[in-house]
Amino acid sequence: MADYSALLQHIPVDDIAKQLGVPESTAKSAVEAAIPAIIGGMAANAKDEKGARSLEGALQKHRGVSPKKTRVADIDTDDGRKIVRNVFGAKQGDVSNAVAKTGKGDVTKDLIDRVLPIIAPIVIAWVASKLTKKEPTENPGASGGGIGDLLGGLLGGDSGGGGDLLGGVLGGLLGGGRKG
């Protein structure tokens, strides 16, 4: 997986484990598997103009929101469910299943379905903070620069399960953008 250690520091893995009633190692595996899926889903959406505009709106909404480590009870999981729905659309179940297969240990589709809305607001705030540090481009879509380049860069150095996931099953599910 690309180096998401900075992002992982903002995710309350221990609290997620307690909330979901799973060992911390299982929660960490689920989070580590879900991070590249969310970023990859956002990258797939950024490949078309409509998806890029929608993503830009979501990132604007989360700009300035600190992706700091917090308690699960303080995370807006309703917003997280909306983010997950917008990123994966009708493919959410298929994506969760594919992500679960890349997780270590007892990571299941159900666990991924429960983790995604918890971490999605943190991931999008983190991506928005990264985008804020870059110069804006005229076209935030796939034609170069902006969101597409940022997300591609975040996925770029990927050498672990996330890359295999995005290059294989998840890439096939999401293709050039969210369908459905």
Protein backbone atom coordinates (compact mmCIF):
# COMPACT_ATOMS: atom_id res chain seq x y z
CA MET A 1 0.00 0.00 0.00
CA ALA A 2 1.18 3.55 -0.61
CA ASP A 3 2.46 5.28 2.48
CA TYR A 4 -0.77 6.13 4.23
CA SER A 5 0.89 6.16 7.65
CA ALA A 6 0.20 9.89 8.09
CA LEU A 7 -3.47 9.30 7.34
CA LEU A 8 -3.63 6.21 9.52
CA GLN A 9 -2.44 8.30 12.48
CA HIS A 10 -5.68 10.31 12.21
CA ILE A 11 -7.95 7.26 12.32
CA PRO A 12 -9.01 6.06 15.79
CA VAL A 13 -8.36 2.38 15.11
CA ASP A 14 -8.53 1.46 18.80
CA ASP A 15 -11.89 3.20 19.18
CA ILE A 16 -13.19 1.61 15.96
CA ALA A 17 -12.24 -1.80 17.35
CA LYS A 18 -14.13 -1.13 20.58
CA GLN A 19 -17.16 0.30 18.75
CA LEU A 20 -17.37 -2.66 16.37
CA GLY A 21 -16.44 -5.33 18.92
CA VAL A 22 -13.42 -6.64 17.04
CA PRO A 23 -9.74 -7.01 17.99
CA GLU A 24 -7.66 -3.92 17.29
CA SER A 25 -5.53 -5.87 14.79
CA THR A 26 -8.66 -6.77 12.80
CA ALA A 27 -9.89 -3.17 12.84
CA LYS A 28 -6.44 -1.98 11.68
CA SER A 29 -6.43 -4.52 8.83
CA ALA A 30 -9.91 -3.39 7.77
CA VAL A 31 -8.92 0.29 7.87
CA GLU A 32 -5.69 -0.38 5.97
CA ALA A 33 -7.64 -2.24 3.28
CA ALA A 34 -10.39 0.39 3.07
CA ILE A 35 -8.17 3.49 2.74
CA PRO A 36 -6.88 2.74 -0.78
CA ALA A 37 -10.39 1.68 -1.83
CA ILE A 38 -11.84 5.07 -0.88
CA ILE A 39 -8.99 6.96 -2.51
CA GLY A 40 -9.17 4.69 -5.56
CA GLY A 41 -12.93 5.21 -5.80
CA MET A 42 -12.44 8.96 -5.66
CA ALA A 43 -9.76 8.68 -8.37
CA ALA A 44 -12.13 6.64 -10.56
CA ASN A 45 -14.83 9.29 -10.13
CA ALA A 46 -12.38 12.06 -10.99
CA LYS A 47 -11.84 10.51 -14.42
CA ASP A 48 -15.04 11.97 -15.80
CA GLU A 49 -16.16 15.58 -15.74
CA LYS A 50 -19.34 15.04 -13.71
CA GLY A 51 -17.54 12.87 -11.15
CA ALA A 52 -14.70 15.37 -10.85
CA ARG A 53 -17.16 18.22 -10.22
CA SER A 54 -18.98 16.20 -7.57
CA LEU A 55 -15.72 15.24 -5.91
CA GLU A 56 -14.48 18.82 -6.01
CA GLY A 57 -17.68 19.90 -4.21
CA ALA A 58 -17.18 17.27 -1.54
CA LEU A 59 -13.54 18.23 -1.08
CA GLN A 60 -14.49 21.93 -0.87
CA LYS A 61 -16.98 21.05 1.87
CA HIS A 62 -14.24 19.27 3.83
CA ARG A 63 -11.43 21.79 3.24
CA GLY A 64 -10.23 23.22 6.47
CA VAL A 65 -11.70 20.31 8.45
CA SER A 66 -8.88 18.82 10.42
CA PRO A 67 -8.52 15.09 9.78
CA LYS A 68 -7.33 14.79 13.38
CA LYS A 69 -7.65 11.61 15.37
CA THR A 70 -10.91 11.69 17.26
CA ARG A 71 -13.39 9.34 18.85
CA VAL A 72 -15.80 7.37 16.69
CA ALA A 73 -18.69 9.02 18.55
CA ASP A 74 -17.48 12.40 17.23
CA ILE A 75 -17.39 11.29 13.58
CA ASP A 76 -20.35 12.19 11.37
CA THR A 77 -21.10 8.69 10.07
CA ASP A 78 -24.18 9.99 8.22
CA ASP A 79 -21.78 12.13 6.20
CA GLY A 80 -19.55 9.07 5.91
CA ARG A 81 -22.38 6.99 4.46
CA LYS A 82 -23.09 9.76 1.95
CA ILE A 83 -19.42 9.90 0.96
CA VAL A 84 -19.28 6.12 0.52
CA ARG A 85 -22.51 6.15 -1.52
CA ASN A 86 -21.16 8.95 -3.75
CA VAL A 87 -17.78 7.30 -4.20
CA PHE A 88 -18.96 3.76 -4.94
CA GLY A 89 -22.60 4.14 -6.00
CA ALA A 90 -24.35 0.88 -6.78
CA LYS A 91 -21.00 -0.93 -6.65
CA GLN A 92 -20.61 -0.44 -2.88
CA GLY A 93 -21.39 -4.05 -2.00
CA ASP A 94 -19.06 -5.38 -4.67
CA VAL A 95 -16.30 -3.03 -3.54
CA SER A 96 -16.75 -4.02 0.12
CA ASN A 97 -16.52 -7.67 -0.86
CA ALA A 98 -13.37 -7.07 -2.93
CA VAL A 99 -11.77 -5.00 -0.15
CA ALA A 100 -12.56 -7.69 2.44
CA LYS A 101 -10.69 -10.24 0.34
CA THR A 102 -7.54 -8.11 0.55
CA GLY A 103 -7.71 -7.69 4.32
CA LYS A 104 -5.70 -9.80 6.70
CA GLY A 105 -7.21 -12.00 9.37
CA ASP A 106 -10.92 -11.75 10.11
CA VAL A 107 -11.74 -8.87 7.77
CA THR A 108 -15.20 -9.49 6.31
CA LYS A 109 -17.49 -7.64 3.93
CA ASP A 110 -19.72 -6.75 6.89
CA LEU A 111 -16.76 -5.26 8.75
CA ILE A 112 -15.70 -3.23 5.71
CA ASP A 113 -19.31 -2.01 5.31
CA ARG A 114 -19.20 -0.83 8.94
CA VAL A 115 -15.71 0.71 8.72
CA LEU A 116 -16.17 2.70 5.49
CA PRO A 117 -18.63 5.31 6.84
CA ILE A 118 -16.46 5.80 9.92
CA ILE A 119 -13.25 6.50 8.05
CA ALA A 120 -14.64 8.18 4.92
CA PRO A 121 -14.99 11.67 6.50
CA ILE A 122 -11.43 11.43 7.83
CA VAL A 123 -10.05 10.26 4.47
CA ILE A 124 -11.83 13.00 2.51
CA ALA A 125 -10.69 15.69 4.97
CA TRP A 126 -7.13 14.37 4.64
CA VAL A 127 -7.33 14.40 0.82
CA ALA A 128 -8.83 17.92 0.94
CA SER A 129 -5.90 19.06 3.10
CA LYS A 130 -3.49 17.60 0.54
CA LEU A 131 -5.34 19.32 -2.32
CA THR A 132 -5.22 22.64 -0.48
CA LYS A 133 -1.42 22.44 -0.56
CA LYS A 134 -1.43 22.06 -4.37
CA GLU A 135 -2.00 24.79 -6.92
CA PRO A 136 -5.52 24.69 -8.37
CA THR A 137 -5.97 23.93 -12.05
CA GLU A 138 -8.61 25.13 -14.44
CA ASN A 139 -9.94 21.63 -15.05
CA PRO A 140 -9.98 19.46 -11.94
CA GLY A 141 -10.94 16.41 -13.98
CA ALA A 142 -8.95 13.69 -15.64
CA SER A 143 -7.37 15.81 -18.35
CA GLY A 144 -4.47 16.70 -16.10
CA GLY A 145 -3.79 18.38 -12.82
CA GLY A 146 -5.98 18.90 -9.83
CA ILE A 147 -7.87 16.11 -8.16
CA GLY A 148 -7.00 13.39 -10.66
CA ASP A 149 -3.27 14.00 -10.36
CA LEU A 150 -3.40 14.26 -6.57
CA LEU A 151 -5.35 11.02 -6.17
CA GLY A 152 -3.21 9.27 -8.76
CA GLY A 153 -0.14 10.39 -6.85
CA LEU A 154 -1.57 9.09 -3.58
CA LEU A 155 -2.15 5.73 -5.25
CA GLY A 156 1.04 5.93 -7.31
CA GLY A 157 3.70 4.35 -5.14
CA ASP A 158 1.36 1.54 -4.25
CA SER A 159 3.12 -1.78 -3.89
CA GLY A 160 0.97 -3.79 -1.53
CA GLY A 161 -2.59 -5.04 -1.29
CA GLY A 162 -4.08 -1.70 -2.22
CA GLY A 163 -2.31 -1.67 -5.58
CA ASP A 164 -3.33 -5.23 -6.34
CA LEU A 165 -6.89 -4.38 -5.35
CA LEU A 166 -7.04 -1.25 -7.48
CA GLY A 167 -5.26 -2.79 -10.42
CA GLY A 168 -7.44 -5.87 -10.37
CA VAL A 169 -10.88 -6.39 -8.96
CA LEU A 170 -11.61 -2.85 -7.77
CA GLY A 171 -10.28 -1.32 -10.98
CA GLY A 172 -12.64 -3.56 -12.94
CA LEU A 173 -15.57 -2.67 -10.70
CA LEU A 174 -15.06 1.08 -10.86
CA GLY A 175 -13.48 1.41 -14.29
CA GLY A 176 -13.32 4.98 -15.51
CA GLY A 177 -15.74 6.24 -12.92
CA ARG A 178 -18.51 5.19 -10.61
CA LYS A 179 -21.33 3.43 -12.42
CA GLY A 180 -24.83 3.34 -11.05
